Amino acid sequence: MAQDKKITLDDVSRGIDKGLITIDQQRVSGLERLQTVRNAKATSLGREQARLAAKYGADHPRVLALTAKVELNRGLVNDLVIETVKAKTEIPIADEGTWVLHGFVRDLNRIGLPKLTIALFDGREHEANWVRELGYACTNSLGYFKLTARKVDVERRVFLRVLNNQGQTIYCDSDPLTARGGQVDYREIITSGEARECSPPPPPASVTAVQWTVLGHVIDATGLVLADLTVSLSDKDQAFAARLGKTQTDLGSNFTFVYSADAFKDLIAKNPDLFLTVSGGTLKQPFTHPTALHFGPGKTDKVTVTVPTESTDQNHGPSADRLATAAVFCLVV
């Protein structure tokens, strides 16, 4: 008498996983075969286009119609390449305390962009902070990234940014993500690659007219960004130093001051020279930027503070923050 064979849930799970893997492999094979066909079609169309152009001229209706077919086929080939790369990409699995964010960063021609940093910030405004505990990721040669955050026991509302190797923001997601344990999120990002500030829409003119804004960036003589520095703004006599205050550079070595004209009427009346001073971090001593600034209601001053190389501490190993900053910009080949 035949014995009953029991099928466990693990057996079912393994069977499903094996089936999914087989389906993915078949899909990749099918896409690659279709690419081969389309590439052959592109060669054939290109030859026919060249023949007709030589016979009738580039502006002939038959040549123009064939040119349209060539462009359509080129678009199909690009789409097939993208879908093949996606099909070959393993889908991450997140356990209960892990959140995974993965996806691709591509240029306007949908070509993957390598060596870019994916980081998460607590807001969309320029002064938002990097959520360090969620980590960061770097894009590979195909533009793919996978950010894995472990021990996520509290939901966090965050915004994705893409930074280049100089710490400049080249993309800021307008839609927030929710970091949640046990969840996998996917993003496909298209960017021109041009550096830009990730700022909210400008305030109404009536508000802008009574504010003075100073946007800055700190680098050393070699162009390396210097994060986690203290930046202060003051006059030579230090009469307004306490009121003008201090701020910190962010992950990309950027800083921002915003002052209300109503609160500084006495400073505006005296119109003293104001100087930016940076200190802390790897600096051996404070450095004062030589160019004077002047309070200007409704004006925005943009300043790059270049610290001489000899002012930075190069005699000992970098701090943990410095290592994190260097790593997050994906400078390692």
Protein backbone atom coordinates (compact mmCIF):
# COMPACT_ATOMS: atom_id res chain seq x y z
CA MET A 1 0.00 0.00 0.00
CA ALA A 2 1.43 3.32 -1.04
CA GLN A 3 2.24 5.73 1.75
CA ASP A 4 0.85 9.27 1.74
CA LYS A 5 3.53 11.84 1.08
CA LYS A 6 3.16 15.07 3.01
CA ILE A 7 4.16 18.33 1.33
CA THR A 8 5.41 20.98 3.73
CA LEU A 9 5.20 24.75 3.34
CA ASP A 10 8.99 24.82 2.87
CA ASP A 11 8.60 22.42 -0.08
CA VAL A 12 5.98 24.72 -1.60
CA SER A 13 8.16 27.80 -1.02
CA ARG A 14 11.19 26.16 -2.63
CA GLY A 15 9.06 25.12 -5.59
CA ILE A 16 7.75 28.64 -6.10
CA ASP A 17 11.25 30.13 -5.83
CA LYS A 18 12.60 27.63 -8.35
CA GLY A 19 9.73 28.42 -10.71
CA LEU A 20 10.31 32.17 -10.44
CA ILE A 21 14.03 31.75 -11.13
CA THR A 22 13.22 29.67 -14.22
CA ILE A 23 10.73 32.30 -15.43
CA ASP A 24 13.31 35.09 -14.98
CA GLN A 25 15.93 33.12 -16.89
CA GLN A 26 13.50 32.46 -19.73
CA ARG A 27 12.54 36.15 -19.83
CA VAL A 28 16.21 37.22 -20.02
CA SER A 29 16.85 34.74 -22.83
CA GLY A 30 13.81 35.98 -24.72
CA LEU A 31 14.81 39.63 -24.35
CA GLU A 32 18.37 38.90 -25.48
CA ARG A 33 17.11 37.07 -28.58
CA LEU A 34 14.82 39.99 -29.36
CA GLN A 35 17.77 42.38 -28.99
CA THR A 36 19.70 40.31 -31.54
CA VAL A 37 16.80 40.52 -33.98
CA ARG A 38 16.39 44.27 -33.49
CA ASN A 39 20.14 44.90 -33.89
CA ALA A 40 20.08 42.98 -37.17
CA LYS A 41 17.05 45.04 -38.20
CA ALA A 42 18.97 48.23 -37.37
CA THR A 43 21.84 47.18 -39.62
CA SER A 44 19.46 46.37 -42.48
CA LEU A 45 17.56 49.65 -42.11
CA GLY A 46 20.79 51.63 -41.95
CA ARG A 47 22.07 50.16 -45.21
CA GLU A 48 18.75 50.76 -46.99
CA GLN A 49 18.64 54.34 -45.67
CA ALA A 50 22.14 55.04 -46.98
CA ARG A 51 21.28 53.51 -50.39
CA LEU A 52 18.09 55.52 -50.82
CA ALA A 53 19.71 58.73 -49.62
CA ALA A 54 22.47 58.34 -52.20
CA LYS A 55 19.89 57.71 -54.94
CA TYR A 56 17.14 60.24 -54.08
CA GLY A 57 18.68 62.65 -51.57
CA ALA A 58 18.24 62.99 -47.80
CA ASP A 59 14.98 64.99 -48.10
CA HIS A 60 13.12 62.48 -50.27
CA PRO A 61 9.85 61.19 -48.68
CA ARG A 62 11.00 57.55 -48.87
CA VAL A 63 14.27 58.42 -47.12
CA LEU A 64 12.48 60.45 -44.44
CA ALA A 65 10.04 57.59 -43.80
CA LEU A 66 12.92 55.15 -43.46
CA THR A 67 14.73 57.52 -41.13
CA ALA A 68 11.67 57.51 -38.87
CA LYS A 69 11.77 53.68 -38.85
CA VAL A 70 15.46 53.75 -37.93
CA GLU A 71 14.76 56.05 -34.96
CA LEU A 72 11.82 53.92 -33.82
CA ASN A 73 13.92 50.78 -33.97
CA ARG A 74 16.73 52.49 -32.04
CA GLY A 75 14.25 53.37 -29.29
CA LEU A 76 13.03 49.78 -29.16
CA VAL A 77 16.60 48.50 -28.83
CA ASN A 78 17.27 50.92 -25.95
CA ASP A 79 14.09 49.76 -24.22
CA LEU A 80 15.12 46.12 -24.65
CA VAL A 81 18.54 46.80 -23.13
CA ILE A 82 16.93 48.46 -20.11
CA GLU A 83 14.41 45.64 -19.63
CA THR A 84 17.16 43.02 -19.95
CA VAL A 85 19.24 44.72 -17.27
CA LYS A 86 16.18 44.87 -14.98
CA ALA A 87 15.40 41.21 -15.61
CA LYS A 88 18.96 40.22 -14.69
CA THR A 89 18.81 42.22 -11.45
CA GLU A 90 18.08 40.12 -8.38
CA ILE A 91 15.08 41.36 -6.41
CA PRO A 92 16.15 42.09 -2.80
CA ILE A 93 14.44 40.47 0.18
CA ALA A 94 14.00 42.37 3.45
CA ASP A 95 13.56 40.72 6.82
CA GLU A 96 11.41 42.18 9.58
CA GLY A 97 13.92 44.79 10.77
CA THR A 98 15.46 45.68 7.39
CA TRP A 99 14.38 48.26 4.82
CA VAL A 100 15.75 48.03 1.28
CA LEU A 101 15.67 50.77 -1.34
CA HIS A 102 16.97 49.86 -4.80
CA GLY A 103 16.72 51.07 -8.36
CA PHE A 104 18.53 52.75 -11.22
CA VAL A 105 19.88 56.23 -11.97
CA ARG A 106 20.01 57.04 -15.69
CA ASP A 107 20.74 60.08 -17.84
CA LEU A 108 18.33 61.67 -20.32
CA ASN A 109 19.28 59.01 -22.89
CA ARG A 110 18.42 56.34 -20.29
CA ILE A 111 22.04 55.24 -19.92
CA GLY A 112 23.02 54.10 -16.41
CA LEU A 113 25.18 56.55 -14.45
CA PRO A 114 27.93 55.00 -12.27
CA LYS A 115 29.69 56.21 -9.08
CA LEU A 116 26.86 58.40 -7.81
CA THR A 117 25.75 58.56 -4.19
CA ILE A 118 22.23 57.72 -3.05
CA ALA A 119 21.45 59.30 0.33
CA LEU A 120 18.30 60.02 2.32
CA PHE A 121 17.46 63.39 3.87
CA ASP A 122 14.86 64.48 6.41
CA GLY A 123 13.37 67.13 4.09
CA ARG A 124 13.38 68.66 0.60
CA GLU A 125 14.69 72.05 1.66
CA HIS A 126 18.33 72.97 1.04
CA GLU A 127 19.16 72.87 4.76
CA ALA A 128 17.75 69.35 5.28
CA ASN A 129 19.98 66.84 7.06
CA TRP A 130 21.35 63.52 5.87
CA VAL A 131 19.70 60.67 7.83
CA ARG A 132 23.00 59.03 8.70
CA GLU A 133 21.54 55.98 10.46
CA LEU A 134 19.88 54.80 7.22
CA GLY A 135 23.25 54.76 5.44
CA TYR A 136 23.90 55.38 1.76
CA ALA A 137 24.56 53.50 -1.48
CA CYS A 138 26.58 53.99 -4.67
CA THR A 139 25.52 53.25 -8.24
CA ASN A 140 27.43 50.56 -10.13
CA SER A 141 28.52 50.55 -13.77
CA LEU A 142 24.88 50.00 -14.85
CA GLY A 143 23.54 52.80 -12.66
CA TYR A 144 22.02 50.30 -10.22
CA PHE A 145 22.00 50.91 -6.47
CA LYS A 146 20.83 49.02 -3.39
CA LEU A 147 20.58 50.76 -0.03
CA THR A 148 20.04 48.40 2.91
CA ALA A 149 19.09 49.89 6.28
CA ARG A 150 19.07 47.44 9.20
CA LYS A 151 17.42 47.64 12.61
CA VAL A 152 14.66 49.92 11.32
CA ASP A 153 12.20 49.75 14.21
CA VAL A 154 10.57 53.18 13.69
CA GLU A 155 9.03 54.45 10.45
CA ARG A 156 10.91 57.43 8.97
CA ARG A 157 9.68 59.87 6.31
CA VAL A 158 12.68 60.65 4.08
CA PHE A 159 13.54 62.15 0.69
CA LEU A 160 15.95 60.54 -1.76
CA ARG A 161 18.81 62.58 -3.22
CA VAL A 162 21.46 61.75 -5.79
CA LEU A 163 24.86 63.39 -5.28
CA ASN A 164 27.87 63.51 -7.56
CA ASN A 165 31.45 62.91 -6.39
CA GLN A 166 31.77 66.57 -5.37
CA GLY A 167 28.85 66.31 -2.98
CA GLN A 168 26.55 68.35 -5.21
CA THR A 169 22.88 67.42 -5.48
CA ILE A 170 21.94 66.42 -9.04
CA TYR A 171 18.51 65.03 -8.20
CA CYS A 172 16.04 65.43 -5.33
CA ASP A 173 12.92 63.29 -5.20
CA SER A 174 9.76 65.34 -4.73
CA ASP A 175 7.83 62.39 -3.27
CA PRO A 176 8.78 61.16 0.21
CA LEU A 177 9.68 57.57 1.03
CA THR A 178 8.75 55.77 4.22
CA ALA A 179 11.59 53.72 5.68
CA ARG A 180 9.83 50.70 7.19
CA GLY A 181 11.25 47.40 8.38
CA GLY A 182 10.38 44.41 6.18
CA GLN A 183 9.70 46.58 3.12
CA VAL A 184 11.43 46.84 -0.28
CA ASP A 185 11.04 50.05 -2.34
CA TYR A 186 12.10 50.63 -5.94
CA ARG A 187 12.97 53.88 -7.74
CA GLU A 188 13.97 54.65 -11.35
CA ILE A 189 15.58 58.07 -11.57
CA ILE A 190 16.23 60.12 -14.71
CA THR A 191 18.55 63.11 -14.31
CA SER A 192 20.48 65.46 -16.55
CA GLY A 193 23.44 65.14 -14.18
CA GLU A 194 23.66 68.91 -13.69
CA ALA A 195 24.31 70.07 -10.12
CA ARG A 196 21.45 71.98 -8.56
CA GLU A 197 20.25 73.06 -5.17
CA CYS A 198 17.43 71.01 -3.71
CA SER A 199 15.30 73.89 -2.47
CA PRO A 200 11.57 74.48 -2.06
CA PRO A 201 9.80 77.04 -4.28
CA PRO A 202 10.92 80.63 -3.58
CA PRO A 203 8.83 82.57 -1.05
CA PRO A 204 6.57 85.44 -2.20
CA ALA A 205 8.31 88.64 -3.25
CA SER A 206 7.06 90.47 -0.17
CA VAL A 207 8.95 87.99 2.05
CA THR A 208 12.07 87.78 -0.08
CA ALA A 209 12.43 91.57 -0.08
CA VAL A 210 13.07 91.65 3.68
CA GLN A 211 15.59 88.80 3.87
CA TRP A 212 19.28 88.47 3.17
CA THR A 213 20.47 84.96 2.27
CA VAL A 214 24.05 83.67 2.20
CA LEU A 215 24.58 80.32 0.47
CA GLY A 216 28.04 78.81 0.79
CA HIS A 217 30.25 75.82 0.03
CA VAL A 218 33.55 74.86 1.72
CA ILE A 219 36.37 73.04 -0.10
CA ASP A 220 40.12 72.72 0.30
CA ALA A 221 42.71 73.78 -2.29
CA THR A 222 42.41 70.41 -4.07
CA GLY A 223 38.64 70.73 -4.44
CA LEU A 224 37.78 68.17 -1.74
CA VAL A 225 34.60 69.01 0.17
CA LEU A 226 34.94 69.57 3.94
CA ALA A 227 31.85 68.52 5.87
CA ASP A 228 30.88 68.95 9.56
CA LEU A 229 32.55 72.35 9.89
CA THR A 230 31.30 75.29 11.92
CA VAL A 231 30.67 78.45 9.89
CA SER A 232 30.17 81.85 11.50
CA LEU A 233 29.51 85.33 10.12
CA SER A 234 30.68 88.45 11.91
CA ASP A 235 32.05 91.97 11.56
CA LYS A 236 35.67 92.84 12.46
CA ASP A 237 34.67 94.40 15.78
CA GLN A 238 32.53 91.36 16.69
CA ALA A 239 29.68 93.73 17.57
CA PHE A 240 27.11 91.65 15.66
CA ALA A 241 28.80 88.23 15.87
CA ALA A 242 26.49 86.75 18.49
CA ARG A 243 23.34 87.86 16.66
CA LEU A 244 24.57 86.70 13.25
CA GLY A 245 25.27 83.27 14.76
CA LYS A 246 26.77 80.05 13.47
CA THR A 247 25.76 77.03 11.41
CA GLN A 248 27.21 73.67 10.29
CA THR A 249 28.15 72.43 6.83
CA ASP A 250 26.03 69.53 5.61
CA LEU A 251 27.04 66.29 3.89
CA GLY A 252 27.94 68.17 0.71
CA SER A 253 29.85 70.89 2.63
CA ASN A 254 27.06 73.42 2.03
CA PHE A 255 25.80 76.01 4.50
CA THR A 256 23.06 78.63 4.55
CA PHE A 257 22.32 81.79 6.53
CA VAL A 258 19.00 83.64 6.28
CA TYR A 259 18.55 86.97 8.07
CA SER A 260 15.50 89.18 8.45
CA ALA A 261 16.12 92.85 7.63
CA ASP A 262 13.75 93.92 10.42
CA ALA A 263 16.00 92.25 13.01
CA PHE A 264 19.16 93.94 11.72
CA LYS A 265 18.17 97.55 11.05
CA ASP A 266 21.12 98.79 13.13
CA LEU A 267 23.56 96.61 11.18
CA ILE A 268 22.13 97.78 7.86
CA ALA A 269 22.54 101.42 8.97
CA LYS A 270 26.24 100.90 9.82
CA ASN A 271 26.84 98.62 6.80
CA PRO A 272 30.07 97.04 8.15
CA ASP A 273 32.22 94.51 6.30
CA LEU A 274 31.12 90.99 7.24
CA PHE A 275 33.38 87.95 6.99
CA LEU A 276 32.77 84.19 6.98
CA THR A 277 34.94 82.06 9.28
CA VAL A 278 35.11 78.26 9.22
CA SER A 279 36.49 76.10 12.02
CA GLY A 280 36.41 72.60 13.50
CA GLY A 281 36.56 69.29 11.66
CA THR A 282 39.98 68.67 10.15
CA LEU A 283 41.02 72.33 10.24
CA LYS A 284 44.10 73.04 12.36
CA GLN A 285 42.87 76.54 13.04
CA PRO A 286 39.94 78.79 12.03
CA PHE A 287 40.05 80.22 8.52
CA THR A 288 38.45 83.54 7.58
CA HIS A 289 37.32 84.06 4.00
CA PRO A 290 39.00 87.27 2.75
CA THR A 291 36.07 88.61 0.71
CA ALA A 292 33.78 90.94 2.66
CA LEU A 293 30.00 90.61 2.48
CA HIS A 294 27.42 93.31 3.08
CA PHE A 295 23.88 92.92 4.34
CA GLY A 296 21.48 93.29 1.42
CA PRO A 297 17.72 92.87 1.96
CA GLY A 298 16.26 90.80 -0.87
CA LYS A 299 19.72 89.70 -1.99
CA THR A 300 21.29 86.23 -2.12
CA ASP A 301 25.08 85.93 -1.90
CA LYS A 302 26.70 82.68 -3.03
CA VAL A 303 30.19 82.06 -1.68
CA THR A 304 32.75 79.31 -2.15
CA VAL A 305 35.21 79.23 0.76
CA THR A 306 38.50 77.64 -0.28
CA VAL A 307 40.61 76.61 2.68
CA PRO A 308 44.38 76.38 2.05
CA THR A 309 45.69 72.80 2.16
CA GLU A 310 48.12 73.64 4.96
CA SER A 311 45.17 74.63 7.14
CA THR A 312 43.85 71.06 7.21
CA ASP A 313 45.15 68.38 9.52
CA GLN A 314 46.95 65.81 7.38
CA ASN A 315 49.27 64.42 10.04
CA HIS A 316 46.90 61.82 11.43
CA GLY A 317 44.19 59.49 10.17
CA PRO A 318 40.80 60.97 9.31
CA SER A 319 37.95 60.94 11.77
CA ALA A 320 35.02 58.56 11.45
CA ASP A 321 32.86 61.38 10.06
CA ARG A 322 35.52 62.23 7.51
CA LEU A 323 35.69 58.59 6.42
CA ALA A 324 31.92 58.45 6.11
CA THR A 325 31.88 61.65 4.07
CA ALA A 326 34.60 60.42 1.72
CA ALA A 327 32.91 57.07 1.28
CA VAL A 328 29.47 58.49 0.66
CA PHE A 329 30.70 60.41 -2.36
CA CYS A 330 31.80 57.16 -4.06
CA LEU A 331 35.30 58.34 -4.88
CA VAL A 332 36.69 54.80 -4.74
CA VAL A 333 36.96 53.25 -8.21
